[in-house]
């Protein structure tokens, strides 16, 4: 029997990684969709060769690894390529997450899925936790973390589900526009709540 699952999501720069780490410190198992996504396109993998066959060898670096920068630009400019890639990768990622879920041991499990709202329904997720903050806060954090232009960040935000839509889908919301201490208090409260739900 699979454990109780919480799908953790949020827009770029909302603080998902920080919140995930706070749950990890409470000995809660984390399955990260981004980490899984990297494993399914490892060098020499069948999936990576399928991508190269479809999109050309430009998507490969010299060491046969995925050229993420090139692919990211391609996906931003061509919605049909984005759709093709998602149709290929999402089932593979979900299967791997399901396999990892079978080996978890904590009272409940956090599934960190940045594009959870955009890819609903997700049969693995029993409850949705949104990490949220105002758009200006997202932009400011992402600039300081990734050193990319505000225009590029705005472009990414525009391609993600609108903030209002994410909040409508969420069962629980962490407001991450204050101090780390305020964030820790919210995680503490939710941790107790999830332990009760998982019983």
Protein backbone atom coordinates (compact mmCIF):
# COMPACT_ATOMS: atom_id res chain seq x y z
CA UNK A 1 0.00 0.00 0.00
CA UNK A 2 1.37 3.41 -0.99
CA UNK A 3 1.85 6.06 1.70
CA UNK A 4 -0.18 9.28 1.94
CA UNK A 5 1.15 11.69 -0.69
CA UNK A 6 1.38 15.47 -0.81
CA UNK A 7 2.09 17.10 -4.18
CA UNK A 8 4.22 20.17 -3.50
CA UNK A 9 4.20 22.80 -6.22
CA UNK A 10 4.61 26.52 -6.90
CA UNK A 11 5.79 29.00 -9.51
CA UNK A 12 9.41 29.78 -10.30
CA UNK A 13 11.18 31.48 -7.38
CA UNK A 14 8.35 30.74 -4.93
CA UNK A 15 10.63 28.85 -2.53
CA UNK A 16 9.70 25.23 -3.28
CA UNK A 17 13.25 23.96 -2.64
CA UNK A 18 13.44 25.67 0.76
CA UNK A 19 10.10 24.22 1.85
CA UNK A 20 11.03 20.77 0.53
CA UNK A 21 14.26 20.89 2.56
CA UNK A 22 12.31 21.81 5.73
CA UNK A 23 10.13 18.72 5.27
CA UNK A 24 13.25 16.62 4.59
CA UNK A 25 14.69 17.79 7.93
CA UNK A 26 11.62 16.23 9.57
CA UNK A 27 12.62 12.83 8.11
CA UNK A 28 9.92 12.99 5.46
CA UNK A 29 10.77 11.21 2.20
CA UNK A 30 10.94 13.50 -0.83
CA UNK A 31 10.50 12.40 -4.43
CA UNK A 32 11.54 15.26 -6.73
CA UNK A 33 10.12 15.25 -10.27
CA UNK A 34 13.01 17.44 -11.52
CA UNK A 35 15.57 14.91 -10.24
CA UNK A 36 13.62 12.05 -11.81
CA UNK A 37 13.32 14.02 -15.08
CA UNK A 38 17.12 14.26 -15.24
CA UNK A 39 17.54 10.50 -14.74
CA UNK A 40 15.20 9.57 -17.61
CA UNK A 41 17.34 11.55 -20.10
CA UNK A 42 20.77 10.37 -18.97
CA UNK A 43 23.50 10.08 -21.63
CA UNK A 44 23.07 7.00 -23.89
CA UNK A 45 19.54 6.42 -22.57
CA UNK A 46 16.82 5.24 -24.95
CA UNK A 47 14.75 8.37 -24.16
CA UNK A 48 17.60 10.74 -25.00
CA UNK A 49 18.17 8.96 -28.33
CA UNK A 50 14.44 9.31 -29.10
CA UNK A 51 14.67 13.05 -28.41
CA UNK A 52 17.76 13.41 -30.64
CA UNK A 53 16.09 11.41 -33.41
CA UNK A 54 13.05 13.71 -33.31
CA UNK A 55 14.71 17.09 -32.72
CA UNK A 56 18.19 16.65 -34.18
CA UNK A 57 21.65 16.09 -32.69
CA UNK A 58 21.84 19.75 -31.66
CA UNK A 59 20.02 18.69 -28.48
CA UNK A 60 23.13 16.70 -27.50
CA UNK A 61 26.37 18.02 -26.01
CA UNK A 62 29.69 16.56 -27.17
CA UNK A 63 29.63 14.05 -24.28
CA UNK A 64 26.18 12.80 -25.42
CA UNK A 65 24.43 14.52 -22.51
CA UNK A 66 21.30 16.63 -23.03
CA UNK A 67 21.97 20.22 -24.09
CA UNK A 68 19.43 21.74 -21.70
CA UNK A 69 20.00 25.36 -22.74
CA UNK A 70 19.36 24.56 -26.41
CA UNK A 71 16.31 22.46 -25.58
CA UNK A 72 14.88 25.13 -23.26
CA UNK A 73 15.13 27.75 -26.03
CA UNK A 74 13.56 25.33 -28.53
CA UNK A 75 10.64 24.55 -26.21
CA UNK A 76 9.98 28.26 -25.51
CA UNK A 77 9.83 29.06 -29.21
CA UNK A 78 7.84 26.02 -30.37
CA UNK A 79 4.74 24.99 -28.35
CA UNK A 80 4.32 21.87 -30.51
CA UNK A 81 7.81 20.63 -29.48
CA UNK A 82 6.95 21.34 -25.84
CA UNK A 83 3.78 19.24 -26.19
CA UNK A 84 5.66 16.39 -27.91
CA UNK A 85 8.34 16.38 -25.22
CA UNK A 86 5.78 16.40 -22.39
CA UNK A 87 3.89 13.48 -23.98
CA UNK A 88 7.13 11.53 -24.10
CA UNK A 89 8.56 12.42 -20.68
CA UNK A 90 5.63 12.79 -18.28
CA UNK A 91 4.52 9.12 -18.33
CA UNK A 92 8.16 8.01 -17.86
CA UNK A 93 8.66 10.42 -14.95
CA UNK A 94 5.39 9.32 -13.34
CA UNK A 95 6.34 5.63 -13.62
CA UNK A 96 9.71 6.25 -11.97
CA UNK A 97 8.08 8.28 -9.20
CA UNK A 98 5.61 5.43 -8.63
CA UNK A 99 8.53 2.99 -8.30
CA UNK A 100 10.30 5.26 -5.79
CA UNK A 101 7.06 5.65 -3.85
CA UNK A 102 6.93 1.90 -3.29
CA UNK A 103 10.23 2.12 -1.38
CA UNK A 104 9.45 5.08 0.91
CA UNK A 105 9.23 4.62 4.68
CA UNK A 106 8.09 7.96 6.16
CA UNK A 107 4.58 8.56 7.54
CA UNK A 108 3.70 10.57 4.42
CA UNK A 109 5.66 11.51 1.29
CA UNK A 110 6.26 14.84 -0.45
CA UNK A 111 6.15 14.66 -4.26
CA UNK A 112 7.87 17.85 -5.44
CA UNK A 113 6.33 18.57 -8.85
CA UNK A 114 6.91 22.13 -10.16
CA UNK A 115 4.36 21.77 -12.99
CA UNK A 116 1.76 19.82 -11.00
CA UNK A 117 -1.15 22.18 -11.72
CA UNK A 118 -0.25 22.30 -15.42
CA UNK A 119 -0.26 18.49 -15.68
CA UNK A 120 -3.34 17.55 -13.61
CA UNK A 121 -4.85 15.07 -13.04
CA UNK A 122 -1.99 13.21 -11.33
CA UNK A 123 -3.01 9.83 -9.86
CA UNK A 124 0.01 9.79 -7.52
CA UNK A 125 -1.05 12.93 -5.63
CA UNK A 126 -3.65 12.82 -2.84
CA UNK A 127 -3.35 16.41 -1.66
CA UNK A 128 -1.86 19.58 -3.19
CA UNK A 129 0.42 21.92 -1.23
CA UNK A 130 1.19 25.23 -2.93
CA UNK A 131 4.19 27.39 -2.02
CA UNK A 132 3.14 30.88 -3.03
CA UNK A 133 4.40 34.47 -3.07
CA UNK A 134 3.67 37.63 -5.08
CA UNK A 135 5.04 37.80 -8.62
CA UNK A 136 7.45 40.62 -7.78
CA UNK A 137 8.92 38.39 -5.09
CA UNK A 138 9.29 35.50 -7.58
CA UNK A 139 11.18 37.74 -10.03
CA UNK A 140 13.47 39.20 -7.37
CA UNK A 141 14.40 35.77 -5.97
CA UNK A 142 15.00 34.21 -9.38
CA UNK A 143 17.25 37.08 -10.49
CA UNK A 144 19.43 36.71 -7.39
CA UNK A 145 19.52 32.90 -7.70
CA UNK A 146 19.91 32.35 -11.47
CA UNK A 147 21.30 35.74 -12.61
CA UNK A 148 18.93 35.88 -15.59
CA UNK A 149 17.03 38.84 -17.00
CA UNK A 150 13.63 39.94 -15.61
CA UNK A 151 12.20 39.53 -19.15
CA UNK A 152 13.18 35.86 -19.29
CA UNK A 153 11.74 35.23 -15.82
CA UNK A 154 8.50 36.98 -16.82
CA UNK A 155 8.36 34.76 -19.92
CA UNK A 156 8.69 31.65 -17.72
CA UNK A 157 6.00 32.94 -15.31
CA UNK A 158 3.67 33.58 -18.27
CA UNK A 159 4.09 29.96 -19.42
CA UNK A 160 3.23 28.57 -15.98
CA UNK A 161 -0.30 28.32 -14.58
CA UNK A 162 -1.59 31.71 -13.37
CA UNK A 163 -1.15 32.32 -9.64
CA UNK A 164 -4.92 32.58 -9.10
CA UNK A 165 -5.47 29.18 -10.79
CA UNK A 166 -2.76 27.53 -8.66
CA UNK A 167 -4.39 28.86 -5.49
CA UNK A 168 -7.79 27.51 -6.57
CA UNK A 169 -6.40 23.99 -7.01
CA UNK A 170 -4.39 23.94 -3.77
CA UNK A 171 -5.65 22.12 -0.69
CA UNK A 172 -3.01 23.85 1.46
CA UNK A 173 -1.04 27.04 0.85
CA UNK A 174 2.27 28.17 2.35
CA UNK A 175 2.63 31.94 2.07
CA UNK A 176 6.34 32.50 1.44
CA UNK A 177 6.65 36.28 1.45
CA UNK A 178 8.04 36.74 4.97
CA UNK A 179 10.98 35.48 7.05
CA UNK A 180 12.44 31.97 7.15
CA UNK A 181 11.09 31.71 10.70
CA UNK A 182 7.55 32.41 9.46
CA UNK A 183 8.06 29.72 6.82
CA UNK A 184 9.28 27.19 9.42
CA UNK A 185 6.17 27.78 11.58
CA UNK A 186 3.88 27.05 8.60
CA UNK A 187 5.81 23.86 7.77
CA UNK A 188 5.67 22.75 11.43
CA UNK A 189 1.89 23.19 11.48
CA UNK A 190 1.38 21.35 8.19
CA UNK A 191 3.72 18.54 9.27
CA UNK A 192 1.52 17.84 12.32
CA UNK A 193 -1.61 18.10 10.17
CA UNK A 194 -0.21 15.64 7.57
CA UNK A 195 0.86 13.19 10.28
CA UNK A 196 -2.75 13.18 11.53
CA UNK A 197 -4.12 12.76 8.00
CA UNK A 198 -1.74 9.88 7.29
CA UNK A 199 -2.91 7.84 10.28
